[in-house]
Full PDB file with SEQRES, HELIX, SHEET, SSBOND, CRYST1, ORIGX, SCALE, CONECT and MASTER records, all heavy atoms in Angstrom:
SEQRES   1 A   29  VAL SER LEU HIS CYS ALA ASP PRO GLY LYS LEU ASN VAL          
SEQRES   2 A   29  LEU ASP ILE ALA PRO SER SER LEU VAL ASP PRO GLY ALA          
SEQRES   3 A   29  PHE HIS ALA                                                  
HELIX    1 AA1 LEU A    3  CYS A    5  5                                   3    
HELIX    2 AA2 PRO A   18  SER A   20  5                                   3    
HELIX    3 AA3 PRO A   24  HIS A   28  1                                   5    
CRYST1    1.000    1.000    1.000  90.00  90.00  90.00 P 1           1          
ORIGX1      1.000000  0.000000  0.000000        0.00000                         
ORIGX2      0.000000  1.000000  0.000000        0.00000                         
ORIGX3      0.000000  0.000000  1.000000        0.00000                         
SCALE1      1.000000  0.000000  0.000000        0.00000                         
SCALE2      0.000000  1.000000  0.000000        0.00000                         
SCALE3      0.000000  0.000000  1.000000        0.00000                         
ATOM      1  N   VAL A   1     -34.858 -39.599 -10.314  1.00  0.00           N  
ATOM      2  CA  VAL A   1     -34.997 -38.549  -9.238  1.00  0.00           C  
ATOM      3  C   VAL A   1     -34.654 -39.093  -7.900  1.00  0.00           C  
ATOM      4  O   VAL A   1     -33.908 -38.520  -7.102  1.00  0.00           O  
ATOM      5  CB  VAL A   1     -36.424 -37.949  -9.336  1.00  0.00           C  
ATOM      6  CG1 VAL A   1     -36.626 -36.992  -8.126  1.00  0.00           C  
ATOM      7  CG2 VAL A   1     -36.638 -37.222 -10.607  1.00  0.00           C  
ATOM      8  N   SER A   2     -35.292 -40.248  -7.598  1.00  0.00           N  
ATOM      9  CA  SER A   2     -35.016 -40.895  -6.289  1.00  0.00           C  
ATOM     10  C   SER A   2     -35.189 -42.415  -6.430  1.00  0.00           C  
ATOM     11  O   SER A   2     -36.085 -42.881  -7.126  1.00  0.00           O  
ATOM     12  CB  SER A   2     -36.080 -40.357  -5.280  1.00  0.00           C  
ATOM     13  OG  SER A   2     -35.976 -41.122  -4.109  1.00  0.00           O  
ATOM     14  N   LEU A   3     -34.382 -43.117  -5.714  1.00  0.00           N  
ATOM     15  CA  LEU A   3     -34.499 -44.571  -5.691  1.00  0.00           C  
ATOM     16  C   LEU A   3     -35.678 -44.991  -4.941  1.00  0.00           C  
ATOM     17  O   LEU A   3     -36.074 -46.156  -4.964  1.00  0.00           O  
ATOM     18  CB  LEU A   3     -33.231 -45.221  -5.156  1.00  0.00           C  
ATOM     19  CG  LEU A   3     -31.990 -45.113  -6.085  1.00  0.00           C  
ATOM     20  CD1 LEU A   3     -30.766 -45.718  -5.482  1.00  0.00           C  
ATOM     21  CD2 LEU A   3     -32.292 -45.755  -7.433  1.00  0.00           C  
ATOM     22  N   HIS A   4     -36.356 -44.088  -4.180  1.00  0.00           N  
ATOM     23  CA  HIS A   4     -37.611 -44.400  -3.577  1.00  0.00           C  
ATOM     24  C   HIS A   4     -38.679 -44.781  -4.661  1.00  0.00           C  
ATOM     25  O   HIS A   4     -39.648 -45.391  -4.399  1.00  0.00           O  
ATOM     26  CB  HIS A   4     -38.208 -43.240  -2.789  1.00  0.00           C  
ATOM     27  CG  HIS A   4     -37.724 -43.173  -1.376  1.00  0.00           C  
ATOM     28  ND1 HIS A   4     -38.133 -44.018  -0.398  1.00  0.00           N  
ATOM     29  CD2 HIS A   4     -36.782 -42.356  -0.782  1.00  0.00           C  
ATOM     30  CE1 HIS A   4     -37.489 -43.747   0.769  1.00  0.00           C  
ATOM     31  NE2 HIS A   4     -36.674 -42.721   0.534  1.00  0.00           N  
ATOM     32  N   CYS A   5     -38.386 -44.346  -5.931  1.00  0.00           N  
ATOM     33  CA  CYS A   5     -39.273 -44.648  -7.031  1.00  0.00           C  
ATOM     34  C   CYS A   5     -38.779 -45.815  -7.853  1.00  0.00           C  
ATOM     35  O   CYS A   5     -39.341 -46.125  -8.943  1.00  0.00           O  
ATOM     36  CB  CYS A   5     -39.421 -43.391  -7.977  1.00  0.00           C  
ATOM     37  SG  CYS A   5     -40.096 -41.982  -7.142  1.00  0.00           S  
ATOM     38  N   ALA A   6     -37.759 -46.492  -7.414  1.00  0.00           N  
ATOM     39  CA  ALA A   6     -37.190 -47.652  -8.137  1.00  0.00           C  
ATOM     40  C   ALA A   6     -38.103 -48.888  -7.966  1.00  0.00           C  
ATOM     41  O   ALA A   6     -39.013 -48.830  -7.138  1.00  0.00           O  
ATOM     42  CB  ALA A   6     -35.813 -47.987  -7.586  1.00  0.00           C  
ATOM     43  N   ASP A   7     -37.819 -49.916  -8.732  1.00  0.00           N  
ATOM     44  CA  ASP A   7     -38.595 -51.137  -8.638  1.00  0.00           C  
ATOM     45  C   ASP A   7     -38.272 -51.832  -7.331  1.00  0.00           C  
ATOM     46  O   ASP A   7     -37.159 -52.309  -7.085  1.00  0.00           O  
ATOM     47  CB  ASP A   7     -38.135 -52.099  -9.816  1.00  0.00           C  
ATOM     48  CG  ASP A   7     -38.821 -53.434  -9.890  1.00  0.00           C  
ATOM     49  OD1 ASP A   7     -39.555 -53.759  -8.934  1.00  0.00           O  
ATOM     50  OD2 ASP A   7     -38.607 -54.167 -10.836  1.00  0.00           O  
ATOM     51  N   PRO A   8     -39.294 -51.983  -6.430  1.00  0.00           N  
ATOM     52  CA  PRO A   8     -39.063 -52.546  -5.116  1.00  0.00           C  
ATOM     53  C   PRO A   8     -38.721 -54.081  -5.197  1.00  0.00           C  
ATOM     54  O   PRO A   8     -38.216 -54.602  -4.252  1.00  0.00           O  
ATOM     55  CB  PRO A   8     -40.347 -52.320  -4.376  1.00  0.00           C  
ATOM     56  CG  PRO A   8     -41.376 -52.075  -5.437  1.00  0.00           C  
ATOM     57  CD  PRO A   8     -40.692 -51.500  -6.599  1.00  0.00           C  
ATOM     58  N   GLY A   9     -38.953 -54.689  -6.345  1.00  0.00           N  
ATOM     59  CA  GLY A   9     -38.582 -56.079  -6.504  1.00  0.00           C  
ATOM     60  C   GLY A   9     -37.078 -56.226  -6.670  1.00  0.00           C  
ATOM     61  O   GLY A   9     -36.497 -57.316  -6.470  1.00  0.00           O  
ATOM     62  N   LYS A  10     -36.411 -55.132  -7.009  1.00  0.00           N  
ATOM     63  CA  LYS A  10     -34.988 -55.111  -7.160  1.00  0.00           C  
ATOM     64  C   LYS A  10     -34.196 -54.378  -6.045  1.00  0.00           C  
ATOM     65  O   LYS A  10     -33.088 -54.782  -5.689  1.00  0.00           O  
ATOM     66  CB  LYS A  10     -34.571 -54.494  -8.516  1.00  0.00           C  
ATOM     67  CG  LYS A  10     -35.063 -55.264  -9.720  1.00  0.00           C  
ATOM     68  CD  LYS A  10     -34.666 -54.557 -10.984  1.00  0.00           C  
ATOM     69  CE  LYS A  10     -35.214 -55.302 -12.145  1.00  0.00           C  
ATOM     70  NZ  LYS A  10     -35.041 -54.650 -13.421  1.00  0.00           N  
ATOM     71  N   LEU A  11     -34.878 -53.373  -5.499  1.00  0.00           N  
ATOM     72  CA  LEU A  11     -34.242 -52.574  -4.425  1.00  0.00           C  
ATOM     73  C   LEU A  11     -35.335 -52.055  -3.523  1.00  0.00           C  
ATOM     74  O   LEU A  11     -36.276 -51.400  -3.944  1.00  0.00           O  
ATOM     75  CB  LEU A  11     -33.517 -51.380  -5.073  1.00  0.00           C  
ATOM     76  CG  LEU A  11     -32.733 -50.492  -4.123  1.00  0.00           C  
ATOM     77  CD1 LEU A  11     -31.494 -51.195  -3.632  1.00  0.00           C  
ATOM     78  CD2 LEU A  11     -32.395 -49.136  -4.815  1.00  0.00           C  
ATOM     79  N   ASN A  12     -35.234 -52.385  -2.209  1.00  0.00           N  
ATOM     80  CA  ASN A  12     -36.097 -51.842  -1.229  1.00  0.00           C  
ATOM     81  C   ASN A  12     -35.399 -50.615  -0.652  1.00  0.00           C  
ATOM     82  O   ASN A  12     -34.265 -50.666  -0.252  1.00  0.00           O  
ATOM     83  CB  ASN A  12     -36.371 -52.820  -0.072  1.00  0.00           C  
ATOM     84  CG  ASN A  12     -37.424 -53.895  -0.350  1.00  0.00           C  
ATOM     85  OD1 ASN A  12     -37.776 -54.644   0.486  1.00  0.00           O  
ATOM     86  ND2 ASN A  12     -37.929 -53.939  -1.585  1.00  0.00           N  
ATOM     87  N   VAL A  13     -36.181 -49.516  -0.668  1.00  0.00           N  
ATOM     88  CA  VAL A  13     -35.659 -48.265  -0.122  1.00  0.00           C  
ATOM     89  C   VAL A  13     -36.541 -47.856   1.020  1.00  0.00           C  
ATOM     90  O   VAL A  13     -37.766 -47.759   0.845  1.00  0.00           O  
ATOM     91  CB  VAL A  13     -35.632 -47.149  -1.230  1.00  0.00           C  
ATOM     92  CG1 VAL A  13     -35.062 -45.844  -0.637  1.00  0.00           C  
ATOM     93  CG2 VAL A  13     -34.753 -47.642  -2.363  1.00  0.00           C  
ATOM     94  N   LEU A  14     -35.909 -47.657   2.206  1.00  0.00           N  
ATOM     95  CA  LEU A  14     -36.676 -47.373   3.389  1.00  0.00           C  
ATOM     96  C   LEU A  14     -36.172 -46.120   4.093  1.00  0.00           C  
ATOM     97  O   LEU A  14     -34.951 -45.912   4.098  1.00  0.00           O  
ATOM     98  CB  LEU A  14     -36.530 -48.516   4.428  1.00  0.00           C  
ATOM     99  CG  LEU A  14     -36.607 -49.933   3.971  1.00  0.00           C  
ATOM    100  CD1 LEU A  14     -36.158 -50.859   5.114  1.00  0.00           C  
ATOM    101  CD2 LEU A  14     -38.041 -50.211   3.589  1.00  0.00           C  
ATOM    102  N   ASP A  15     -37.095 -45.432   4.723  1.00  0.00           N  
ATOM    103  CA  ASP A  15     -36.677 -44.393   5.664  1.00  0.00           C  
ATOM    104  C   ASP A  15     -37.158 -44.807   7.039  1.00  0.00           C  
ATOM    105  O   ASP A  15     -38.306 -45.202   7.203  1.00  0.00           O  
ATOM    106  CB  ASP A  15     -37.270 -43.046   5.268  1.00  0.00           C  
ATOM    107  CG  ASP A  15     -36.635 -42.391   4.086  1.00  0.00           C  
ATOM    108  OD1 ASP A  15     -35.578 -42.843   3.663  1.00  0.00           O  
ATOM    109  OD2 ASP A  15     -37.266 -41.442   3.539  1.00  0.00           O  
ATOM    110  N   ILE A  16     -36.278 -44.755   8.024  1.00  0.00           N  
ATOM    111  CA  ILE A  16     -36.647 -45.120   9.377  1.00  0.00           C  
ATOM    112  C   ILE A  16     -36.435 -43.904  10.280  1.00  0.00           C  
ATOM    113  O   ILE A  16     -35.442 -43.264  10.307  1.00  0.00           O  
ATOM    114  CB  ILE A  16     -35.730 -46.285   9.889  1.00  0.00           C  
ATOM    115  CG1 ILE A  16     -35.992 -47.547   9.021  1.00  0.00           C  
ATOM    116  CG2 ILE A  16     -35.951 -46.610  11.370  1.00  0.00           C  
ATOM    117  CD1 ILE A  16     -35.141 -48.704   9.321  1.00  0.00           C  
ATOM    118  N   ALA A  17     -37.533 -43.614  11.069  1.00  0.00           N  
ATOM    119  CA  ALA A  17     -37.516 -42.451  11.964  1.00  0.00           C  
ATOM    120  C   ALA A  17     -36.530 -42.655  13.085  1.00  0.00           C  
ATOM    121  O   ALA A  17     -36.647 -43.620  13.874  1.00  0.00           O  
ATOM    122  CB  ALA A  17     -38.942 -42.210  12.507  1.00  0.00           C  
ATOM    123  N   PRO A  18     -35.557 -41.742  13.220  1.00  0.00           N  
ATOM    124  CA  PRO A  18     -34.602 -41.903  14.363  1.00  0.00           C  
ATOM    125  C   PRO A  18     -35.338 -41.796  15.692  1.00  0.00           C  
ATOM    126  O   PRO A  18     -34.887 -42.400  16.680  1.00  0.00           O  
ATOM    127  CB  PRO A  18     -33.637 -40.721  14.151  1.00  0.00           C  
ATOM    128  CG  PRO A  18     -34.130 -39.911  13.074  1.00  0.00           C  
ATOM    129  CD  PRO A  18     -35.274 -40.650  12.375  1.00  0.00           C  
ATOM    130  N   SER A  19     -36.438 -41.063  15.741  1.00  0.00           N  
ATOM    131  CA  SER A  19     -37.187 -40.903  16.966  1.00  0.00           C  
ATOM    132  C   SER A  19     -37.864 -42.208  17.438  1.00  0.00           C  
ATOM    133  O   SER A  19     -38.212 -42.320  18.574  1.00  0.00           O  
ATOM    134  CB  SER A  19     -38.242 -39.795  16.819  1.00  0.00           C  
ATOM    135  OG  SER A  19     -39.160 -40.178  15.832  1.00  0.00           O  
ATOM    136  N   SER A  20     -37.921 -43.153  16.526  1.00  0.00           N  
ATOM    137  CA  SER A  20     -38.513 -44.477  16.895  1.00  0.00           C  
ATOM    138  C   SER A  20     -37.543 -45.451  17.460  1.00  0.00           C  
ATOM    139  O   SER A  20     -37.891 -46.582  17.788  1.00  0.00           O  
ATOM    140  CB  SER A  20     -39.228 -45.075  15.650  1.00  0.00           C  
ATOM    141  OG  SER A  20     -38.272 -45.565  14.720  1.00  0.00           O  
ATOM    142  N   LEU A  21     -36.270 -45.057  17.548  1.00  0.00           N  
ATOM    143  CA  LEU A  21     -35.238 -45.948  17.991  1.00  0.00           C  
ATOM    144  C   LEU A  21     -34.765 -45.578  19.436  1.00  0.00           C  
ATOM    145  O   LEU A  21     -34.598 -44.421  19.740  1.00  0.00           O  
ATOM    146  CB  LEU A  21     -34.012 -45.820  17.070  1.00  0.00           C  
ATOM    147  CG  LEU A  21     -34.309 -46.220  15.634  1.00  0.00           C  
ATOM    148  CD1 LEU A  21     -33.204 -45.688  14.707  1.00  0.00           C  
ATOM    149  CD2 LEU A  21     -34.456 -47.749  15.495  1.00  0.00           C  
ATOM    150  N   VAL A  22     -34.572 -46.589  20.246  1.00  0.00           N  
ATOM    151  CA  VAL A  22     -34.072 -46.413  21.602  1.00  0.00           C  
ATOM    152  C   VAL A  22     -32.629 -45.806  21.584  1.00  0.00           C  
ATOM    153  O   VAL A  22     -32.280 -44.977  22.372  1.00  0.00           O  
ATOM    154  CB  VAL A  22     -34.077 -47.686  22.408  1.00  0.00           C  
ATOM    155  CG1 VAL A  22     -33.372 -47.543  23.720  1.00  0.00           C  
ATOM    156  CG2 VAL A  22     -35.509 -48.121  22.614  1.00  0.00           C  
ATOM    157  N   ASP A  23     -31.796 -46.340  20.639  1.00  0.00           N  
ATOM    158  CA  ASP A  23     -30.372 -45.912  20.537  1.00  0.00           C  
ATOM    159  C   ASP A  23     -30.046 -45.677  19.083  1.00  0.00           C  
ATOM    160  O   ASP A  23     -29.495 -46.566  18.414  1.00  0.00           O  
ATOM    161  CB  ASP A  23     -29.488 -46.957  21.191  1.00  0.00           C  
ATOM    162  CG  ASP A  23     -28.064 -46.504  21.282  1.00  0.00           C  
ATOM    163  OD1 ASP A  23     -27.633 -45.498  20.643  1.00  0.00           O  
ATOM    164  OD2 ASP A  23     -27.294 -47.153  22.063  1.00  0.00           O  
ATOM    165  N   PRO A  24     -30.303 -44.476  18.545  1.00  0.00           N  
ATOM    166  CA  PRO A  24     -30.002 -44.203  17.174  1.00  0.00           C  
ATOM    167  C   PRO A  24     -28.512 -44.412  16.804  1.00  0.00           C  
ATOM    168  O   PRO A  24     -28.198 -44.804  15.698  1.00  0.00           O  
ATOM    169  CB  PRO A  24     -30.426 -42.763  16.939  1.00  0.00           C  
ATOM    170  CG  PRO A  24     -31.466 -42.506  18.017  1.00  0.00           C  
ATOM    171  CD  PRO A  24     -31.044 -43.354  19.156  1.00  0.00           C  
ATOM    172  N   GLY A  25     -27.621 -44.100  17.741  1.00  0.00           N  
ATOM    173  CA  GLY A  25     -26.194 -44.285  17.484  1.00  0.00           C  
ATOM    174  C   GLY A  25     -25.814 -45.726  17.288  1.00  0.00           C  
ATOM    175  O   GLY A  25     -25.005 -46.065  16.364  1.00  0.00           O  
ATOM    176  N   ALA A  26     -26.373 -46.634  18.107  1.00  0.00           N  
ATOM    177  CA  ALA A  26     -26.077 -48.036  17.965  1.00  0.00           C  
ATOM    178  C   ALA A  26     -26.719 -48.555  16.620  1.00  0.00           C  
ATOM    179  O   ALA A  26     -26.092 -49.418  15.968  1.00  0.00           O  
ATOM    180  CB  ALA A  26     -26.581 -48.782  19.161  1.00  0.00           C  
ATOM    181  N   PHE A  27     -27.883 -48.041  16.304  1.00  0.00           N  
ATOM    182  CA  PHE A  27     -28.491 -48.442  15.018  1.00  0.00           C  
ATOM    183  C   PHE A  27     -27.652 -47.978  13.826  1.00  0.00           C  
ATOM    184  O   PHE A  27     -27.457 -48.764  12.935  1.00  0.00           O  
ATOM    185  CB  PHE A  27     -29.927 -47.865  14.968  1.00  0.00           C  
ATOM    186  CG  PHE A  27     -30.733 -48.339  13.801  1.00  0.00           C  
ATOM    187  CD1 PHE A  27     -31.220 -49.703  13.831  1.00  0.00           C  
ATOM    188  CD2 PHE A  27     -31.077 -47.593  12.743  1.00  0.00           C  
ATOM    189  CE1 PHE A  27     -31.933 -50.207  12.716  1.00  0.00           C  
ATOM    190  CE2 PHE A  27     -31.756 -48.057  11.666  1.00  0.00           C  
ATOM    191  CZ  PHE A  27     -32.262 -49.394  11.675  1.00  0.00           C  
ATOM    192  N   HIS A  28     -27.114 -46.797  13.938  1.00  0.00           N  
ATOM    193  CA  HIS A  28     -26.260 -46.265  12.912  1.00  0.00           C  
ATOM    194  C   HIS A  28     -25.044 -47.170  12.737  1.00  0.00           C  
ATOM    195  O   HIS A  28     -24.685 -47.554  11.605  1.00  0.00           O  
ATOM    196  CB  HIS A  28     -25.827 -44.826  13.212  1.00  0.00           C  
ATOM    197  CG  HIS A  28     -25.044 -44.185  12.166  1.00  0.00           C  
ATOM    198  ND1 HIS A  28     -24.823 -42.797  12.159  1.00  0.00           N  
ATOM    199  CD2 HIS A  28     -24.378 -44.623  11.068  1.00  0.00           C  
ATOM    200  CE1 HIS A  28     -24.130 -42.503  11.093  1.00  0.00           C  
ATOM    201  NE2 HIS A  28     -23.798 -43.552  10.426  1.00  0.00           N  
ATOM    202  N   ALA A  29     -24.482 -47.603  13.785  1.00  0.00           N  
ATOM    203  CA  ALA A  29     -23.287 -48.508  13.778  1.00  0.00           C  
ATOM    204  C   ALA A  29     -23.677 -49.805  13.104  1.00  0.00           C  
ATOM    205  O   ALA A  29     -22.868 -50.376  12.344  1.00  0.00           O  
ATOM    206  CB  ALA A  29     -22.735 -48.688  15.174  1.00  0.00           C  
TER     207      ALA A  29                                                      
MASTER        0    0    0    3    0    0    0    6  206    1    0    3          
END                                                                             
């Protein structure tokens, strides 16, 4: 269903809030 449910020892899956970034565009790059 989602890799958020995958084994974190093999794959770390993260969501990062764009509102927490000073420059989301530079972070995207």
